[in-house]
Amino acid sequence: MTGGHLPVMPQACIEGLAIRSDGIYVDGTFGRGGHAARILAGLGPTGSLIAIDRDPQAVAVGMTWQDPRFRIVQARFSEVIAVLDGLAIDRVDGVLLDLGVSSPQLDDPARGFSFRAQGPLDMRMDPTHGVSARQWLLQASEQQIAEVLKDYGEERFAVPIAKAIVARCRDAGADAFLTTGDLATVVAGVVRSRQKRPEVGKDPATRTFQALRIFINQELEELALVLDRVVGRLKSGARLVVIAFHSLEDRMVKQFIAGESGRNARRDPVTGAAIHDTPPRLRPIARVLPDAAEIAANPRSRSAVVRVAERL
């Protein structure tokens, strides 16, 4: 079903969802169906799985699945309310979100996500909507580029990289950044000239590509929206499982769960008891990191963090 794609930390995700055979589940990031196939395997004949993905290629794969318990919808996962309403579903028993770019997107040079292979500098999860990374770079100011690289990539050399990008756009005009390799070369030149010591095992363009991808696809904004929206659609006892791959995402998920569990509530100055302005909606269940066997089997899991929470 999954075309050879290996999902990240599937056992932790399935255990986190605590699947009921008759439950209704949402896979908010279908990809190539690695997690979805395992959810379906845990469902009985009356269970159901709704998959969402913004990538038309992923949706095309899902449309080939012949299982009456399965439906797939092309949408951003922040549109989960509209998706559920369109299917006349009020509450669900669990939601899985596998954040970031999928392996098939990263491995296809034509999608423009990777600096490791030559391809058009696109980076859109849905290539039919919005502007590509190249289109944005050609019209963005030095300050705008530097802010994106710093805020979304935590790039130390954001300012000099932005200067070099703008200079390249000015000098090359319409021929600037036609490929991912063009951008990677410019960024690497800046980083290597300023680094005292190269980072072992990390390409100099890593943070720049991450930042642009997150910005172009509005990934953090999407995450903030979906977290709040899915909690309202979880049944009592239902599970929320989120896989994050870098600190910006994981920090948002961690803080959201903490806030929804009442950990950040005001305290009575005398008794120290929590004062809840609104009733807590979530209970933290687990934080799971990949073990050595998982990383050996799937190196892309090395930076993954799985967080699980339960609806109160």
C-alpha atoms as a PDB file:
ATOM      1  CA  MET A   1       0.000   0.000   0.000  1.00  0.00           C
ATOM      2  CA  THR A   2       2.774   2.417   0.883  1.00  0.00           C
ATOM      3  CA  GLY A   3       5.004   1.947  -2.149  1.00  0.00           C
ATOM      4  CA  GLY A   4       8.049   1.104  -0.051  1.00  0.00           C
ATOM      5  CA  HIS A   5       7.877   4.320   1.996  1.00  0.00           C
ATOM      6  CA  LEU A   6       8.993   3.795   5.585  1.00  0.00           C
ATOM      7  CA  PRO A   7       7.015   5.864   8.110  1.00  0.00           C
ATOM      8  CA  VAL A   8       8.733   7.409  11.122  1.00  0.00           C
ATOM      9  CA  MET A   9       8.221   5.737  14.519  1.00  0.00           C
ATOM     10  CA  PRO A  10       5.058   3.838  13.524  1.00  0.00           C
ATOM     11  CA  GLN A  11       4.889   1.733  16.677  1.00  0.00           C
ATOM     12  CA  ALA A  12       5.027   4.774  18.969  1.00  0.00           C
ATOM     13  CA  CYS A  13       2.325   6.469  16.906  1.00  0.00           C
ATOM     14  CA  ILE A  14      -0.031   3.497  16.863  1.00  0.00           C
ATOM     15  CA  GLU A  15       0.454   2.849  20.570  1.00  0.00           C
ATOM     16  CA  GLY A  16      -0.114   6.546  21.217  1.00  0.00           C
ATOM     17  CA  LEU A  17      -3.400   6.542  19.329  1.00  0.00           C
ATOM     18  CA  ALA A  18      -4.654   3.564  21.409  1.00  0.00           C
ATOM     19  CA  ILE A  19      -6.793   2.521  18.447  1.00  0.00           C
ATOM     20  CA  ARG A  20     -10.313   1.265  19.032  1.00  0.00           C
ATOM     21  CA  SER A  21     -11.550  -1.187  16.416  1.00  0.00           C
ATOM     22  CA  ASP A  22     -14.752   0.813  15.868  1.00  0.00           C
ATOM     23  CA  GLY A  23     -13.159   4.250  16.142  1.00  0.00           C
ATOM     24  CA  ILE A  24     -12.974   7.190  13.748  1.00  0.00           C
ATOM     25  CA  TYR A  25      -9.475   8.515  13.119  1.00  0.00           C
ATOM     26  CA  VAL A  26      -7.843  11.352  11.186  1.00  0.00           C
ATOM     27  CA  ASP A  27      -4.431  11.133   9.551  1.00  0.00           C
ATOM     28  CA  GLY A  28      -3.739  14.802   8.882  1.00  0.00           C
ATOM     29  CA  THR A  29      -0.609  14.135   6.808  1.00  0.00           C
ATOM     30  CA  PHE A  30      -1.185  11.099   4.578  1.00  0.00           C
ATOM     31  CA  GLY A  31       2.065  11.283   2.571  1.00  0.00           C
ATOM     32  CA  ARG A  32       2.312   7.821   1.051  1.00  0.00           C
ATOM     33  CA  GLY A  33       0.148   6.178   3.667  1.00  0.00           C
ATOM     34  CA  GLY A  34       2.746   4.576   5.918  1.00  0.00           C
ATOM     35  CA  HIS A  35       0.964   5.495   9.133  1.00  0.00           C
ATOM     36  CA  ALA A  36      -2.479   5.285   7.558  1.00  0.00           C
ATOM     37  CA  ALA A  37      -1.955   1.635   6.574  1.00  0.00           C
ATOM     38  CA  ARG A  38      -1.094   0.774  10.171  1.00  0.00           C
ATOM     39  CA  ILE A  39      -4.136   2.619  11.522  1.00  0.00           C
ATOM     40  CA  LEU A  40      -6.363   0.693   9.122  1.00  0.00           C
ATOM     41  CA  ALA A  41      -4.744  -2.548  10.263  1.00  0.00           C
ATOM     42  CA  GLY A  42      -5.930  -1.778  13.798  1.00  0.00           C
ATOM     43  CA  LEU A  43      -9.499  -0.987  12.791  1.00  0.00           C
ATOM     44  CA  GLY A  44     -12.375  -3.418  12.563  1.00  0.00           C
ATOM     45  CA  PRO A  45     -15.062  -3.439   9.869  1.00  0.00           C
ATOM     46  CA  THR A  46     -16.981  -0.571  11.500  1.00  0.00           C
ATOM     47  CA  GLY A  47     -13.972   1.685  12.048  1.00  0.00           C
ATOM     48  CA  SER A  48     -12.990   4.491   9.679  1.00  0.00           C
ATOM     49  CA  LEU A  49      -9.995   6.624   8.733  1.00  0.00           C
ATOM     50  CA  ILE A  50     -10.121  10.063   7.145  1.00  0.00           C
ATOM     51  CA  ALA A  51      -6.840  11.107   5.546  1.00  0.00           C
ATOM     52  CA  ILE A  52      -5.900  14.679   4.641  1.00  0.00           C
ATOM     53  CA  ASP A  53      -3.021  15.943   2.536  1.00  0.00           C
ATOM     54  CA  ARG A  54      -2.368  19.180   0.682  1.00  0.00           C
ATOM     55  CA  ASP A  55      -0.092  17.505  -1.873  1.00  0.00           C
ATOM     56  CA  PRO A  56      -2.008  16.381  -5.003  1.00  0.00           C
ATOM     57  CA  GLN A  57       0.507  13.584  -5.598  1.00  0.00           C
ATOM     58  CA  ALA A  58      -0.165  12.151  -2.144  1.00  0.00           C
ATOM     59  CA  VAL A  59      -3.914  12.403  -2.664  1.00  0.00           C
ATOM     60  CA  ALA A  60      -3.594  10.608  -6.000  1.00  0.00           C
ATOM     61  CA  VAL A  61      -1.924   7.696  -4.193  1.00  0.00           C
ATOM     62  CA  GLY A  62      -4.649   7.635  -1.549  1.00  0.00           C
ATOM     63  CA  MET A  63      -7.366   7.591  -4.197  1.00  0.00           C
ATOM     64  CA  THR A  64      -6.061   4.223  -5.411  1.00  0.00           C
ATOM     65  CA  TRP A  65      -6.692   2.571  -2.038  1.00  0.00           C
ATOM     66  CA  GLN A  66      -9.669   0.264  -2.168  1.00  0.00           C
ATOM     67  CA  ASP A  67     -10.955   0.110   1.392  1.00  0.00           C
ATOM     68  CA  PRO A  68     -14.508   1.108   2.370  1.00  0.00           C
ATOM     69  CA  ARG A  69     -13.211   2.301   5.750  1.00  0.00           C
ATOM     70  CA  PHE A  70     -10.892   4.853   4.143  1.00  0.00           C
ATOM     71  CA  ARG A  71     -11.449   8.314   2.630  1.00  0.00           C
ATOM     72  CA  ILE A  72      -8.922  10.919   1.562  1.00  0.00           C
ATOM     73  CA  VAL A  73      -9.425  14.661   1.030  1.00  0.00           C
ATOM     74  CA  GLN A  74      -7.050  17.197  -0.492  1.00  0.00           C
ATOM     75  CA  ALA A  75      -6.795  20.054   2.005  1.00  0.00           C
ATOM     76  CA  ARG A  76      -4.443  21.732   4.443  1.00  0.00           C
ATOM     77  CA  PHE A  77      -4.701  20.044   7.818  1.00  0.00           C
ATOM     78  CA  SER A  78      -5.772  23.374   9.304  1.00  0.00           C
ATOM     79  CA  GLU A  79      -8.984  22.844   7.300  1.00  0.00           C
ATOM     80  CA  VAL A  80      -9.830  19.763   9.363  1.00  0.00           C
ATOM     81  CA  ILE A  81     -13.102  21.247  10.633  1.00  0.00           C
ATOM     82  CA  ALA A  82     -14.400  21.801   7.110  1.00  0.00           C
ATOM     83  CA  VAL A  83     -13.269  18.295   6.120  1.00  0.00           C
ATOM     84  CA  LEU A  84     -15.091  16.661   9.035  1.00  0.00           C
ATOM     85  CA  ASP A  85     -18.191  18.791   8.545  1.00  0.00           C
ATOM     86  CA  GLY A  86     -18.223  17.834   4.869  1.00  0.00           C
ATOM     87  CA  LEU A  87     -18.288  14.182   5.889  1.00  0.00           C
ATOM     88  CA  ALA A  88     -20.914  14.796   8.602  1.00  0.00           C
ATOM     89  CA  ILE A  89     -18.484  13.750  11.359  1.00  0.00           C
ATOM     90  CA  ASP A  90     -18.752  15.568  14.678  1.00  0.00           C
ATOM     91  CA  ARG A  91     -16.170  13.891  16.916  1.00  0.00           C
ATOM     92  CA  VAL A  92     -13.221  11.564  16.323  1.00  0.00           C
ATOM     93  CA  ASP A  93     -11.274   9.052  18.427  1.00  0.00           C
ATOM     94  CA  GLY A  94      -7.813  10.193  17.431  1.00  0.00           C
ATOM     95  CA  VAL A  95      -5.726  12.478  15.237  1.00  0.00           C
ATOM     96  CA  LEU A  96      -2.209  11.904  13.908  1.00  0.00           C
ATOM     97  CA  LEU A  97      -0.042  14.744  12.561  1.00  0.00           C
ATOM     98  CA  ASP A  98       3.322  13.926  10.968  1.00  0.00           C
ATOM     99  CA  LEU A  99       4.845  17.375  10.557  1.00  0.00           C
ATOM    100  CA  GLY A 100       7.234  18.738   7.967  1.00  0.00           C
ATOM    101  CA  VAL A 101       8.096  17.506   4.515  1.00  0.00           C
ATOM    102  CA  SER A 102       7.455  13.884   3.523  1.00  0.00           C
ATOM    103  CA  SER A 103      10.166  11.558   2.234  1.00  0.00           C
ATOM    104  CA  PRO A 104       8.635  11.337  -1.281  1.00  0.00           C
ATOM    105  CA  GLN A 105       8.604  15.134  -1.500  1.00  0.00           C
ATOM    106  CA  LEU A 106      12.200  15.349  -0.315  1.00  0.00           C
ATOM    107  CA  ASP A 107      13.411  12.564  -2.595  1.00  0.00           C
ATOM    108  CA  ASP A 108      11.895  13.981  -5.786  1.00  0.00           C
ATOM    109  CA  PRO A 109      14.268  16.623  -7.283  1.00  0.00           C
ATOM    110  CA  ALA A 110      11.377  18.097  -9.272  1.00  0.00           C
ATOM    111  CA  ARG A 111       9.722  19.273  -6.048  1.00  0.00           C
ATOM    112  CA  GLY A 112      12.696  21.486  -5.147  1.00  0.00           C
ATOM    113  CA  PHE A 113      12.899  20.684  -1.430  1.00  0.00           C
ATOM    114  CA  SER A 114      16.407  19.262  -1.299  1.00  0.00           C
ATOM    115  CA  PHE A 115      19.823  20.819  -1.779  1.00  0.00           C
ATOM    116  CA  ARG A 116      21.258  17.360  -2.465  1.00  0.00           C
ATOM    117  CA  ALA A 117      19.814  17.043  -5.989  1.00  0.00           C
ATOM    118  CA  GLN A 118      19.359  19.533  -8.806  1.00  0.00           C
ATOM    119  CA  GLY A 119      15.781  20.611  -9.368  1.00  0.00           C
ATOM    120  CA  PRO A 120      13.616  23.716  -9.742  1.00  0.00           C
ATOM    121  CA  LEU A 121      13.595  25.851  -6.591  1.00  0.00           C
ATOM    122  CA  ASP A 122       9.920  25.330  -5.770  1.00  0.00           C
ATOM    123  CA  MET A 123       9.342  23.878  -2.249  1.00  0.00           C
ATOM    124  CA  ARG A 124       5.538  24.103  -2.333  1.00  0.00           C
ATOM    125  CA  MET A 125       3.718  21.162  -0.771  1.00  0.00           C
ATOM    126  CA  ASP A 126       0.880  21.972  -3.159  1.00  0.00           C
ATOM    127  CA  PRO A 127       2.552  23.101  -6.407  1.00  0.00           C
ATOM    128  CA  THR A 128      -0.767  24.379  -7.747  1.00  0.00           C
ATOM    129  CA  HIS A 129      -1.113  27.161  -5.156  1.00  0.00           C
ATOM    130  CA  GLY A 130       0.980  30.044  -3.897  1.00  0.00           C
ATOM    131  CA  VAL A 131       4.409  31.286  -4.942  1.00  0.00           C
ATOM    132  CA  SER A 132       7.487  29.105  -5.207  1.00  0.00           C
ATOM    133  CA  ALA A 133      10.624  29.693  -3.144  1.00  0.00           C
ATOM    134  CA  ARG A 134      12.360  31.119  -6.212  1.00  0.00           C
ATOM    135  CA  GLN A 135       9.519  33.523  -7.002  1.00  0.00           C
ATOM    136  CA  TRP A 136       9.597  34.800  -3.443  1.00  0.00           C
ATOM    137  CA  LEU A 137      13.374  35.243  -3.356  1.00  0.00           C
ATOM    138  CA  LEU A 138      13.335  37.244  -6.590  1.00  0.00           C
ATOM    139  CA  GLN A 139      11.003  39.869  -5.124  1.00  0.00           C
ATOM    140  CA  ALA A 140      11.864  39.804  -1.403  1.00  0.00           C
ATOM    141  CA  SER A 141      14.002  42.434   0.286  1.00  0.00           C
ATOM    142  CA  GLU A 142      17.248  41.705   2.089  1.00  0.00           C
ATOM    143  CA  GLN A 143      15.570  42.355   5.427  1.00  0.00           C
ATOM    144  CA  GLN A 144      12.654  40.028   4.656  1.00  0.00           C
ATOM    145  CA  ILE A 145      14.976  37.197   3.632  1.00  0.00           C
ATOM    146  CA  ALA A 146      17.165  37.645   6.704  1.00  0.00           C
ATOM    147  CA  GLU A 147      14.128  37.567   9.002  1.00  0.00           C
ATOM    148  CA  VAL A 148      12.842  34.338   7.441  1.00  0.00           C
ATOM    149  CA  LEU A 149      16.234  32.636   7.713  1.00  0.00           C
ATOM    150  CA  LYS A 150      16.614  33.700  11.336  1.00  0.00           C
ATOM    151  CA  ASP A 151      13.043  33.056  12.498  1.00  0.00           C
ATOM    152  CA  TYR A 152      12.379  29.755  10.708  1.00  0.00           C
ATOM    153  CA  GLY A 153      15.890  28.354  10.284  1.00  0.00           C
ATOM    154  CA  GLU A 154      17.683  29.778  13.337  1.00  0.00           C
ATOM    155  CA  GLU A 155      20.503  30.602  10.923  1.00  0.00           C
ATOM    156  CA  ARG A 156      23.405  32.468  12.557  1.00  0.00           C
ATOM    157  CA  PHE A 157      24.524  33.929   9.238  1.00  0.00           C
ATOM    158  CA  ALA A 158      21.069  35.078   8.141  1.00  0.00           C
ATOM    159  CA  VAL A 159      22.135  38.638   7.302  1.00  0.00           C
ATOM    160  CA  PRO A 160      25.185  37.850   5.130  1.00  0.00           C
ATOM    161  CA  ILE A 161      23.263  35.046   3.384  1.00  0.00           C
ATOM    162  CA  ALA A 162      20.422  37.465   2.635  1.00  0.00           C
ATOM    163  CA  LYS A 163      22.926  39.967   1.247  1.00  0.00           C
ATOM    164  CA  ALA A 164      24.419  37.308  -1.025  1.00  0.00           C
ATOM    165  CA  ILE A 165      20.985  36.170  -2.236  1.00  0.00           C
ATOM    166  CA  VAL A 166      19.905  39.710  -3.102  1.00  0.00           C
ATOM    167  CA  ALA A 167      23.214  40.348  -4.852  1.00  0.00           C
ATOM    168  CA  ARG A 168      22.785  37.186  -6.907  1.00  0.00           C
ATOM    169  CA  CYS A 169      19.247  38.221  -7.891  1.00  0.00           C
ATOM    170  CA  ARG A 170      20.542  41.644  -8.924  1.00  0.00           C
ATOM    171  CA  ASP A 171      23.461  40.299 -10.942  1.00  0.00           C
ATOM    172  CA  ALA A 172      21.786  37.314 -12.621  1.00  0.00           C
ATOM    173  CA  GLY A 173      18.308  38.774 -13.101  1.00  0.00           C
ATOM    174  CA  ALA A 174      15.904  36.267 -14.654  1.00  0.00           C
ATOM    175  CA  ASP A 175      18.562  33.553 -14.491  1.00  0.00           C
ATOM    176  CA  ALA A 176      18.944  33.736 -10.706  1.00  0.00           C
ATOM    177  CA  PHE A 177      18.228  30.613  -8.686  1.00  0.00           C
ATOM    178  CA  LEU A 178      16.805  28.493 -11.460  1.00  0.00           C
ATOM    179  CA  THR A 179      17.758  25.397  -9.480  1.00  0.00           C
ATOM    180  CA  THR A 180      18.145  24.237  -5.895  1.00  0.00           C
ATOM    181  CA  GLY A 181      21.859  23.828  -6.558  1.00  0.00           C
ATOM    182  CA  ASP A 182      22.203  27.520  -7.400  1.00  0.00           C
ATOM    183  CA  LEU A 183      20.861  28.528  -3.994  1.00  0.00           C
ATOM    184  CA  ALA A 184      22.825  25.853  -2.138  1.00  0.00           C
ATOM    185  CA  THR A 185      26.065  27.064  -3.739  1.00  0.00           C
ATOM    186  CA  VAL A 186      25.480  30.701  -2.781  1.00  0.00           C
ATOM    187  CA  VAL A 187      24.563  29.793   0.799  1.00  0.00           C
ATOM    188  CA  ALA A 188      27.480  27.397   1.216  1.00  0.00           C
ATOM    189  CA  GLY A 189      29.902  30.061   0.045  1.00  0.00           C
ATOM    190  CA  VAL A 190      28.705  32.473   2.709  1.00  0.00           C
ATOM    191  CA  VAL A 191      28.564  29.955   5.552  1.00  0.00           C
ATOM    192  CA  ARG A 192      31.945  28.383   4.857  1.00  0.00           C
ATOM    193  CA  SER A 193      33.635  31.783   4.704  1.00  0.00           C
ATOM    194  CA  ARG A 194      32.350  32.633   8.190  1.00  0.00           C
ATOM    195  CA  GLN A 195      32.384  29.340  10.054  1.00  0.00           C
ATOM    196  CA  LYS A 196      35.368  28.784  12.303  1.00  0.00           C
ATOM    197  CA  ARG A 197      34.663  25.068  12.171  1.00  0.00           C
ATOM    198  CA  PRO A 198      32.345  23.235   9.776  1.00  0.00           C
ATOM    199  CA  GLU A 199      29.407  21.448  11.411  1.00  0.00           C
ATOM    200  CA  VAL A 200      30.067  17.735  11.102  1.00  0.00           C
ATOM    201  CA  GLY A 201      27.390  15.934   9.141  1.00  0.00           C
ATOM    202  CA  LYS A 202      25.369  19.050   8.291  1.00  0.00           C
ATOM    203  CA  ASP A 203      25.311  20.754   4.891  1.00  0.00           C
ATOM    204  CA  PRO A 204      25.791  24.549   5.085  1.00  0.00           C
ATOM    205  CA  ALA A 205      22.500  25.052   3.225  1.00  0.00           C
ATOM    206  CA  THR A 206      20.405  22.974   5.651  1.00  0.00           C
ATOM    207  CA  ARG A 207      19.008  25.833   7.747  1.00  0.00           C
ATOM    208  CA  THR A 208      18.316  28.083   4.760  1.00  0.00           C
ATOM    209  CA  PHE A 209      16.358  25.383   2.939  1.00  0.00           C
ATOM    210  CA  GLN A 210      14.447  24.526   6.103  1.00  0.00           C
ATOM    211  CA  ALA A 211      13.555  28.158   6.711  1.00  0.00           C
ATOM    212  CA  LEU A 212      12.344  28.785   3.177  1.00  0.00           C
ATOM    213  CA  ARG A 213      10.288  25.591   3.130  1.00  0.00           C
ATOM    214  CA  ILE A 214       8.582  26.402   6.428  1.00  0.00           C
ATOM    215  CA  PHE A 215       7.896  29.974   5.330  1.00  0.00           C
ATOM    216  CA  ILE A 216       6.636  29.158   1.825  1.00  0.00           C
ATOM    217  CA  ASN A 217       4.208  26.550   3.173  1.00  0.00           C
ATOM    218  CA  GLN A 218       3.220  28.545   6.291  1.00  0.00           C
ATOM    219  CA  GLU A 219       3.953  25.444   8.327  1.00  0.00           C
ATOM    220  CA  LEU A 220       4.069  27.004  11.792  1.00  0.00           C
ATOM    221  CA  GLU A 221       0.910  29.017  11.178  1.00  0.00           C
ATOM    222  CA  GLU A 222      -0.808  25.852   9.944  1.00  0.00           C
ATOM    223  CA  LEU A 223       0.346  23.952  13.022  1.00  0.00           C
ATOM    224  CA  ALA A 224      -1.001  26.578  15.416  1.00  0.00           C
ATOM    225  CA  LEU A 225      -4.386  26.468  13.683  1.00  0.00           C
ATOM    226  CA  VAL A 226      -4.735  22.695  13.504  1.00  0.00           C
ATOM    227  CA  LEU A 227      -3.754  22.050  17.125  1.00  0.00           C
ATOM    228  CA  ASP A 228      -6.499  24.301  18.454  1.00  0.00           C
ATOM    229  CA  ARG A 229      -9.083  23.044  15.996  1.00  0.00           C
ATOM    230  CA  VAL A 230      -8.589  19.304  16.387  1.00  0.00           C
ATOM    231  CA  VAL A 231      -8.823  19.385  20.179  1.00  0.00           C
ATOM    232  CA  GLY A 232     -12.386  20.633  19.887  1.00  0.00           C
ATOM    233  CA  ARG A 233     -13.269  17.638  17.737  1.00  0.00           C
ATOM    234  CA  LEU A 234     -11.737  14.935  19.933  1.00  0.00           C
ATOM    235  CA  LYS A 235     -14.054  12.709  21.956  1.00  0.00           C
ATOM    236  CA  SER A 236     -13.397  12.297  25.656  1.00  0.00           C
ATOM    237  CA  GLY A 237     -10.478   9.889  25.940  1.00  0.00           C
ATOM    238  CA  ALA A 238      -9.434  10.432  22.315  1.00  0.00           C
ATOM    239  CA  ARG A 239      -5.739  10.829  21.517  1.00  0.00           C
ATOM    240  CA  LEU A 240      -3.697  13.493  19.726  1.00  0.00           C
ATOM    241  CA  VAL A 241      -0.355  12.232  18.376  1.00  0.00           C
ATOM    242  CA  VAL A 242       2.145  14.652  16.806  1.00  0.00           C
ATOM    243  CA  ILE A 243       5.529  13.867  15.244  1.00  0.00           C
ATOM    244  CA  ALA A 244       7.854  16.880  15.096  1.00  0.00           C
ATOM    245  CA  PHE A 245      11.300  17.024  13.513  1.00  0.00           C
ATOM    246  CA  HIS A 246      12.840  20.283  14.676  1.00  0.00           C
ATOM    247  CA  SER A 247      12.795  22.500  17.719  1.00  0.00           C
ATOM    248  CA  LEU A 248      10.408  25.149  16.379  1.00  0.00           C
ATOM    249  CA  GLU A 249       7.647  22.605  15.731  1.00  0.00           C
ATOM    250  CA  ASP A 250       8.234  20.586  18.875  1.00  0.00           C
ATOM    251  CA  ARG A 251       8.314  23.692  21.064  1.00  0.00           C
ATOM    252  CA  MET A 252       4.912  24.743  19.711  1.00  0.00           C
ATOM    253  CA  VAL A 253       3.416  21.303  20.339  1.00  0.00           C
ATOM    254  CA  LYS A 254       4.937  21.066  23.811  1.00  0.00           C
ATOM    255  CA  GLN A 255       3.694  24.511  24.817  1.00  0.00           C
ATOM    256  CA  PHE A 256       0.244  23.868  23.367  1.00  0.00           C
ATOM    257  CA  ILE A 257      -0.202  20.639  25.307  1.00  0.00           C
ATOM    258  CA  ALA A 258       1.118  22.291  28.475  1.00  0.00           C
ATOM    259  CA  GLY A 259      -1.319  25.161  28.075  1.00  0.00           C
ATOM    260  CA  GLU A 260      -4.283  22.898  27.356  1.00  0.00           C
ATOM    261  CA  SER A 261      -3.441  20.673  30.332  1.00  0.00           C
ATOM    262  CA  GLY A 262      -3.460  23.585  32.769  1.00  0.00           C
ATOM    263  CA  ARG A 263       0.267  23.507  33.510  1.00  0.00           C
ATOM    264  CA  ASN A 264       0.529  27.198  32.698  1.00  0.00           C
ATOM    265  CA  ALA A 265      -2.483  28.181  34.811  1.00  0.00           C
ATOM    266  CA  ARG A 266      -2.252  31.029  37.299  1.00  0.00           C
ATOM    267  CA  ARG A 267      -1.570  30.018  40.902  1.00  0.00           C
ATOM    268  CA  ASP A 268      -3.328  31.087  44.075  1.00  0.00           C
ATOM    269  CA  PRO A 269      -0.752  33.222  45.921  1.00  0.00           C
ATOM    270  CA  VAL A 270      -1.642  31.610  49.251  1.00  0.00           C
ATOM    271  CA  THR A 271      -2.409  27.956  48.533  1.00  0.00           C
ATOM    272  CA  GLY A 272      -0.496  27.577  45.304  1.00  0.00           C
ATOM    273  CA  ALA A 273      -3.503  25.824  43.740  1.00  0.00           C
ATOM    274  CA  ALA A 274      -4.002  26.235  39.998  1.00  0.00           C
ATOM    275  CA  ILE A 275      -6.609  28.778  38.936  1.00  0.00           C
ATOM    276  CA  HIS A 276      -8.086  27.691  35.610  1.00  0.00           C
ATOM    277  CA  ASP A 277      -9.636  30.474  33.532  1.00  0.00           C
ATOM    278  CA  THR A 278     -10.933  27.718  31.243  1.00  0.00           C
ATOM    279  CA  PRO A 279     -11.150  23.983  32.025  1.00  0.00           C
ATOM    280  CA  PRO A 280      -8.128  21.952  30.872  1.00  0.00           C
ATOM    281  CA  ARG A 281      -8.818  19.996  27.692  1.00  0.00           C
ATOM    282  CA  LEU A 282      -5.782  17.706  27.420  1.00  0.00           C
ATOM    283  CA  ARG A 283      -3.753  15.335  29.558  1.00  0.00           C
ATOM    284  CA  PRO A 284      -0.133  14.724  28.507  1.00  0.00           C
ATOM    285  CA  ILE A 285       0.497  11.015  27.952  1.00  0.00           C
ATOM    286  CA  ALA A 286       3.961  10.550  26.520  1.00  0.00           C
ATOM    287  CA  ARG A 287       7.029  11.990  24.845  1.00  0.00           C
ATOM    288  CA  VAL A 288       8.831   9.368  22.766  1.00  0.00           C
ATOM    289  CA  LEU A 289      12.233   9.586  21.069  1.00  0.00           C
ATOM    290  CA  PRO A 290      13.564   7.121  18.487  1.00  0.00           C
ATOM    291  CA  ASP A 291      15.776   4.345  19.801  1.00  0.00           C
ATOM    292  CA  ALA A 292      18.926   3.078  18.128  1.00  0.00           C
ATOM    293  CA  ALA A 293      17.054   0.371  16.214  1.00  0.00           C
ATOM    294  CA  GLU A 294      14.566   2.887  14.803  1.00  0.00           C
ATOM    295  CA  ILE A 295      17.332   5.255  13.695  1.00  0.00           C
ATOM    296  CA  ALA A 296      19.282   2.408  12.104  1.00  0.00           C
ATOM    297  CA  ALA A 297      16.196   1.256  10.190  1.00  0.00           C
ATOM    298  CA  ASN A 298      15.097   4.773   9.234  1.00  0.00           C
ATOM    299  CA  PRO A 299      17.806   7.478   9.571  1.00  0.00           C
ATOM    300  CA  ARG A 300      15.235  10.233   8.972  1.00  0.00           C
ATOM    301  CA  SER A 301      13.744   9.451  12.372  1.00  0.00           C
ATOM    302  CA  ARG A 302      16.883  10.614  14.237  1.00  0.00           C
ATOM    303  CA  SER A 303      15.491  14.082  15.008  1.00  0.00           C
ATOM    304  CA  ALA A 304      11.860  12.994  15.543  1.00  0.00           C
ATOM    305  CA  VAL A 305       9.887  13.608  18.724  1.00  0.00           C
ATOM    306  CA  VAL A 306       6.480  11.997  19.215  1.00  0.00           C
ATOM    307  CA  ARG A 307       4.155  13.692  21.702  1.00  0.00           C
ATOM    308  CA  VAL A 308       0.889  12.126  22.833  1.00  0.00           C
ATOM    309  CA  ALA A 309      -1.993  13.781  24.689  1.00  0.00           C
ATOM    310  CA  GLU A 310      -5.488  12.640  25.658  1.00  0.00           C
ATOM    311  CA  ARG A 311      -8.717  14.636  25.545  1.00  0.00           C
ATOM    312  CA  LEU A 312     -10.251  15.164  28.985  1.00  0.00           C
END
